[in-house]
């Protein structure tokens, strides 16, 4: 059976009413082709342009290696001058990525080049745009966003492969306790079902983003991303109206994250071994019980 992937819905344009009824309320992903074509960024955001605008700043870089058990989440692997990194990803494949680049702090001029899609929904966190850069072949591990925001993710200058899974599949995806990411010992794009049997039958959505495509990812959706070319993306975030979602977000960002970092620092590998063991136990239990119920 394997991982069951359906193609994502793709629209050229969409009205607020259609967006709310078909995607926002049911929390279903969609790719909107023409939204970013109305932005100055669609024409302006070349590799050379962002290199010029960002300037000679040093940025943290992340790779695809399994996380250090003792390190807090999102600890960088190394650092590099931004211009040198852009040259690198244009020149050759690399698994190095820039994660959560902040254009407000690093490149204010870029804020002039895009428009939050407030005609589709409200609640945008305009003070928290973020950009992500990756070399050809680099991978963002399977996770869901800790703040549980809705995300409009627009890609530039290349292609990106994306796999998406509803939150309800968390146990079958080997979610680690006190974390928003999955066990890092498998490749969700080509899993070993003998070692990770709970993945067999998991249902998801697949899409390929090209220059100017905008992916709407509703709150809580798991996502895995692979850069097929050296390229970059802009994520704009918006709050869900649900107070329960907002409360869960606050818990994740404060209590859960701090507890997890304290336990990592105190118990290191012993704690991570326990987390991985629990993830496997919960996955096997969910598989045995036929969860989640459809």
Protein backbone atom coordinates (compact mmCIF):
# COMPACT_ATOMS: atom_id res chain seq x y z
CA UNK A 1 0.00 0.00 0.00
CA UNK A 2 2.74 2.48 0.95
CA UNK A 3 2.29 6.16 1.70
CA UNK A 4 -0.83 7.24 -0.16
CA UNK A 5 -0.34 10.64 -1.78
CA UNK A 6 -3.01 12.64 -3.58
CA UNK A 7 -2.22 15.65 -5.79
CA UNK A 8 -2.94 19.02 -4.25
CA UNK A 9 -5.72 21.29 -5.50
CA UNK A 10 -4.34 24.00 -7.79
CA UNK A 11 -6.14 27.23 -8.70
CA UNK A 12 -5.05 30.24 -10.74
CA UNK A 13 -7.06 32.71 -8.66
CA UNK A 14 -9.63 32.38 -5.91
CA UNK A 15 -12.23 34.59 -4.24
CA UNK A 16 -12.47 35.08 -0.49
CA UNK A 17 -15.74 33.15 -0.38
CA UNK A 18 -14.32 30.19 -2.32
CA UNK A 19 -11.15 30.20 -0.22
CA UNK A 20 -13.08 30.20 3.05
CA UNK A 21 -15.55 27.51 2.03
CA UNK A 22 -13.18 25.12 0.24
CA UNK A 23 -9.88 25.56 2.10
CA UNK A 24 -9.82 27.77 5.22
CA UNK A 25 -12.82 26.35 7.10
CA UNK A 26 -12.13 22.68 6.20
CA UNK A 27 -8.38 23.34 6.67
CA UNK A 28 -7.34 21.94 3.34
CA UNK A 29 -4.13 22.90 1.48
CA UNK A 30 -4.21 24.54 -1.95
CA UNK A 31 -1.72 26.06 -4.40
CA UNK A 32 -2.61 29.52 -5.75
CA UNK A 33 -0.73 30.21 -8.99
CA UNK A 34 -1.40 33.88 -9.64
CA UNK A 35 -1.36 35.51 -6.21
CA UNK A 36 2.35 36.41 -6.18
CA UNK A 37 2.36 37.39 -9.85
CA UNK A 38 0.76 40.65 -8.68
CA UNK A 39 3.70 41.38 -6.39
CA UNK A 40 6.84 43.32 -7.39
CA UNK A 41 8.76 40.34 -5.97
CA UNK A 42 7.60 38.14 -8.84
CA UNK A 43 9.87 40.01 -11.22
CA UNK A 44 12.44 41.46 -8.83
CA UNK A 45 13.41 38.57 -6.58
CA UNK A 46 16.29 37.02 -8.44
CA UNK A 47 19.29 35.53 -6.64
CA UNK A 48 21.40 38.55 -7.57
CA UNK A 49 18.75 40.94 -6.27
CA UNK A 50 18.38 39.37 -2.83
CA UNK A 51 22.18 39.13 -2.55
CA UNK A 52 22.45 42.85 -3.27
CA UNK A 53 19.65 43.84 -0.89
CA UNK A 54 20.70 41.66 2.05
CA UNK A 55 24.32 42.66 1.78
CA UNK A 56 27.35 41.29 3.56
CA UNK A 57 25.75 39.75 6.65
CA UNK A 58 26.64 36.46 8.31
CA UNK A 59 23.78 33.95 8.49
CA UNK A 60 23.36 30.65 10.40
CA UNK A 61 23.06 27.52 8.25
CA UNK A 62 21.40 24.16 8.86
CA UNK A 63 22.02 20.76 7.31
CA UNK A 64 20.09 17.50 7.06
CA UNK A 65 21.99 15.66 9.80
CA UNK A 66 20.08 14.20 12.72
CA UNK A 67 19.77 16.69 15.57
CA UNK A 68 22.27 16.66 18.44
CA UNK A 69 20.44 15.16 21.45
CA UNK A 70 21.87 17.80 23.77
CA UNK A 71 21.22 20.82 21.56
CA UNK A 72 18.10 23.00 21.63
CA UNK A 73 15.81 22.71 18.62
CA UNK A 74 16.92 24.71 15.55
CA UNK A 75 20.59 24.88 16.55
CA UNK A 76 22.61 25.87 13.43
CA UNK A 77 25.33 23.68 11.93
CA UNK A 78 27.61 26.47 10.74
CA UNK A 79 27.51 30.04 9.41
CA UNK A 80 28.49 31.86 6.24
CA UNK A 81 28.31 35.25 4.59
CA UNK A 82 24.92 35.56 2.89
CA UNK A 83 26.44 36.47 -0.49
CA UNK A 84 28.76 33.46 -0.36
CA UNK A 85 25.83 31.19 0.46
CA UNK A 86 23.79 32.47 -2.50
CA UNK A 87 26.79 31.86 -4.76
CA UNK A 88 27.07 28.34 -3.33
CA UNK A 89 23.47 27.30 -3.98
CA UNK A 90 23.62 28.69 -7.51
CA UNK A 91 26.85 26.84 -8.21
CA UNK A 92 26.31 23.34 -6.83
CA UNK A 93 24.06 21.03 -4.78
CA UNK A 94 24.34 21.37 -1.00
CA UNK A 95 22.24 20.30 1.96
CA UNK A 96 22.84 23.63 3.72
CA UNK A 97 19.75 25.77 4.31
CA UNK A 98 18.92 29.17 5.77
CA UNK A 99 16.06 28.70 8.21
CA UNK A 100 13.71 31.51 9.32
CA UNK A 101 15.59 34.41 7.74
CA UNK A 102 13.96 37.63 9.01
CA UNK A 103 13.63 40.29 6.28
CA UNK A 104 12.49 42.91 8.80
CA UNK A 105 15.81 42.73 10.67
CA UNK A 106 18.09 41.82 7.77
CA UNK A 107 16.64 43.35 4.58
CA UNK A 108 13.86 45.87 5.16
CA UNK A 109 13.73 46.76 1.48
CA UNK A 110 12.26 43.34 0.67
CA UNK A 111 9.11 44.27 2.62
CA UNK A 112 8.14 46.61 -0.24
CA UNK A 113 7.95 43.74 -2.71
CA UNK A 114 5.09 41.55 -1.44
CA UNK A 115 1.53 41.97 -0.15
CA UNK A 116 -0.09 39.94 2.62
CA UNK A 117 -3.15 38.20 1.12
CA UNK A 118 -5.58 39.92 3.49
CA UNK A 119 -8.24 39.79 0.78
CA UNK A 120 -8.48 36.06 1.52
CA UNK A 121 -8.39 36.12 5.34
CA UNK A 122 -7.45 38.26 8.32
CA UNK A 123 -5.11 37.75 11.24
CA UNK A 124 -1.79 38.15 9.43
CA UNK A 125 1.29 38.49 11.63
CA UNK A 126 2.92 41.14 9.46
CA UNK A 127 5.79 41.64 11.92
CA UNK A 128 6.86 38.02 11.45
CA UNK A 129 7.51 37.28 7.76
CA UNK A 130 10.21 34.69 7.24
CA UNK A 131 12.31 33.46 4.35
CA UNK A 132 13.88 30.07 3.72
CA UNK A 133 16.78 29.31 1.36
CA UNK A 134 18.04 25.91 0.26
CA UNK A 135 20.54 24.31 -2.05
CA UNK A 136 19.61 21.68 -4.61
CA UNK A 137 18.86 18.45 -2.76
CA UNK A 138 18.52 19.99 0.69
CA UNK A 139 15.62 18.74 2.79
CA UNK A 140 13.45 20.23 5.53
CA UNK A 141 12.63 17.37 7.90
CA UNK A 142 9.04 16.35 8.57
CA UNK A 143 7.43 18.67 11.13
CA UNK A 144 4.53 21.00 11.83
CA UNK A 145 4.99 24.63 12.82
CA UNK A 146 5.19 25.19 16.55
CA UNK A 147 3.03 28.34 16.53
CA UNK A 148 0.18 26.58 14.67
CA UNK A 149 -0.35 29.51 12.29
CA UNK A 150 -1.89 29.27 8.84
CA UNK A 151 0.95 29.70 6.32
CA UNK A 152 1.07 31.19 2.83
CA UNK A 153 4.36 29.86 1.45
CA UNK A 154 5.50 31.41 -1.85
CA UNK A 155 8.45 29.97 -3.75
CA UNK A 156 10.99 31.78 -5.95
CA UNK A 157 13.74 30.93 -8.46
CA UNK A 158 13.35 27.19 -8.77
CA UNK A 159 11.32 24.17 -7.77
CA UNK A 160 10.42 22.58 -4.46
CA UNK A 161 8.85 19.18 -3.71
CA UNK A 162 6.38 19.21 -0.80
CA UNK A 163 4.59 16.42 1.09
CA UNK A 164 1.76 17.34 3.48
CA UNK A 165 -0.06 15.34 6.15
CA UNK A 166 -2.99 16.21 8.39
CA UNK A 167 -2.21 16.57 12.09
CA UNK A 168 -4.33 13.52 12.89
CA UNK A 169 -1.58 11.29 11.44
CA UNK A 170 0.92 12.44 14.09
CA UNK A 171 1.31 9.09 15.86
CA UNK A 172 1.66 7.12 12.62
CA UNK A 173 4.34 9.62 11.55
CA UNK A 174 6.39 8.77 14.67
CA UNK A 175 5.94 12.17 16.35
CA UNK A 176 8.44 12.66 19.16
CA UNK A 177 7.01 13.55 22.60
CA UNK A 178 7.29 17.24 23.57
CA UNK A 179 8.24 18.16 20.01
CA UNK A 180 6.70 19.30 16.74
CA UNK A 181 8.78 17.03 14.51
CA UNK A 182 8.98 13.36 13.66
CA UNK A 183 11.59 10.68 14.19
CA UNK A 184 14.48 11.61 11.90
CA UNK A 185 15.52 8.03 11.09
CA UNK A 186 13.33 7.61 8.00
CA UNK A 187 12.83 9.34 4.67
CA UNK A 188 9.11 10.03 4.23
CA UNK A 189 9.60 10.34 0.46
CA UNK A 190 10.99 6.79 0.31
CA UNK A 191 10.33 5.03 3.63
CA UNK A 192 11.49 1.59 4.73
CA UNK A 193 8.18 -0.02 5.73
CA UNK A 194 9.88 -2.99 7.35
CA UNK A 195 11.63 -0.72 9.85
CA UNK A 196 8.76 1.78 10.11
CA UNK A 197 5.55 -0.19 9.46
CA UNK A 198 3.25 2.52 10.84
CA UNK A 199 3.97 4.63 7.75
CA UNK A 200 2.29 2.05 5.53
CA UNK A 201 -1.12 3.44 4.64
CA UNK A 202 -0.52 6.99 5.86
CA UNK A 203 -2.40 9.43 3.61
CA UNK A 204 -1.04 12.76 2.46
CA UNK A 205 -0.90 15.37 -0.27
CA UNK A 206 1.92 15.98 -2.73
CA UNK A 207 2.77 19.13 -4.64
CA UNK A 208 5.59 20.70 -6.64
CA UNK A 209 6.10 24.44 -6.31
CA UNK A 210 7.57 26.58 -9.09
CA UNK A 211 8.55 30.25 -9.22
CA UNK A 212 5.68 32.40 -7.94
CA UNK A 213 3.48 29.54 -6.67
CA UNK A 214 1.85 30.08 -3.27
CA UNK A 215 1.05 27.11 -1.06
CA UNK A 216 -1.61 27.57 1.62
CA UNK A 217 -0.80 25.27 4.56
CA UNK A 218 -3.50 25.28 7.24
CA UNK A 219 -2.71 25.20 10.93
CA UNK A 220 -1.17 21.99 12.22
CA UNK A 221 -0.37 20.37 8.87
CA UNK A 222 2.84 18.34 8.82
CA UNK A 223 5.18 19.19 5.96
CA UNK A 224 8.36 17.82 4.39
CA UNK A 225 10.14 19.87 1.72
CA UNK A 226 12.96 19.18 -0.71
CA UNK A 227 14.64 21.84 -2.83
CA UNK A 228 14.90 20.56 -6.39
CA UNK A 229 16.94 23.63 -7.33
CA UNK A 230 18.87 26.21 -5.34
CA UNK A 231 16.00 28.56 -4.49
CA UNK A 232 14.09 30.30 -1.72
CA UNK A 233 10.63 30.90 -0.26
CA UNK A 234 8.70 33.51 1.69
CA UNK A 235 6.27 32.45 4.43
CA UNK A 236 3.50 34.76 5.65
CA UNK A 237 1.66 33.65 8.77
CA UNK A 238 -1.90 34.25 9.98
CA UNK A 239 -3.66 33.29 13.21
CA UNK A 240 -6.50 30.84 13.23
CA UNK A 241 -9.62 32.32 14.84
CA UNK A 242 -9.90 29.42 17.27
CA UNK A 243 -8.88 30.31 20.82
CA UNK A 244 -8.10 26.66 21.43
CA UNK A 245 -5.51 26.75 18.61
CA UNK A 246 -4.03 29.97 20.01
CA UNK A 247 -3.81 28.46 23.49
CA UNK A 248 -2.11 25.36 22.09
CA UNK A 249 0.33 27.58 20.23
CA UNK A 250 1.21 29.47 23.41
CA UNK A 251 1.75 26.17 25.25
CA UNK A 252 4.05 24.90 22.48
CA UNK A 253 6.11 28.09 22.40
CA UNK A 254 6.56 28.45 26.15
CA UNK A 255 5.97 25.43 28.39
CA UNK A 256 6.66 22.59 25.96
CA UNK A 257 9.70 24.12 24.24
CA UNK A 258 11.35 25.18 27.51
CA UNK A 259 10.67 21.83 29.16
CA UNK A 260 12.12 19.97 26.17
CA UNK A 261 15.27 22.12 26.11
CA UNK A 262 15.79 21.66 29.86
CA UNK A 263 15.43 17.88 29.59
CA UNK A 264 17.82 17.76 26.62
CA UNK A 265 20.41 19.76 28.51
CA UNK A 266 20.03 17.68 31.67
CA UNK A 267 19.74 14.14 30.29
CA UNK A 268 21.00 14.45 26.70
CA UNK A 269 21.09 11.10 24.86
CA UNK A 270 19.17 9.26 27.58
CA UNK A 271 16.24 11.65 27.15
CA UNK A 272 16.34 11.45 23.34
CA UNK A 273 16.47 7.66 23.45
CA UNK A 274 13.32 7.71 25.62
CA UNK A 275 11.58 10.09 23.19
CA UNK A 276 12.41 7.92 20.20
CA UNK A 277 11.28 4.78 22.02
CA UNK A 278 7.93 6.42 22.90
CA UNK A 279 7.47 7.59 19.30
CA UNK A 280 7.89 4.01 18.05
CA UNK A 281 5.55 2.63 20.73
CA UNK A 282 2.83 5.15 19.91
CA UNK A 283 3.20 4.54 16.18
CA UNK A 284 2.89 0.78 16.62
CA UNK A 285 -0.13 1.21 18.88
CA UNK A 286 -1.85 3.52 16.37
CA UNK A 287 -1.15 1.04 13.57
CA UNK A 288 -2.52 -1.88 15.60
CA UNK A 289 -5.70 0.04 16.44
CA UNK A 290 -6.18 1.29 12.89
CA UNK A 291 -5.77 4.94 13.91
CA UNK A 292 -6.60 7.54 12.98
CA UNK A 293 -10.18 6.65 12.26
CA UNK A 294 -11.30 8.10 8.93
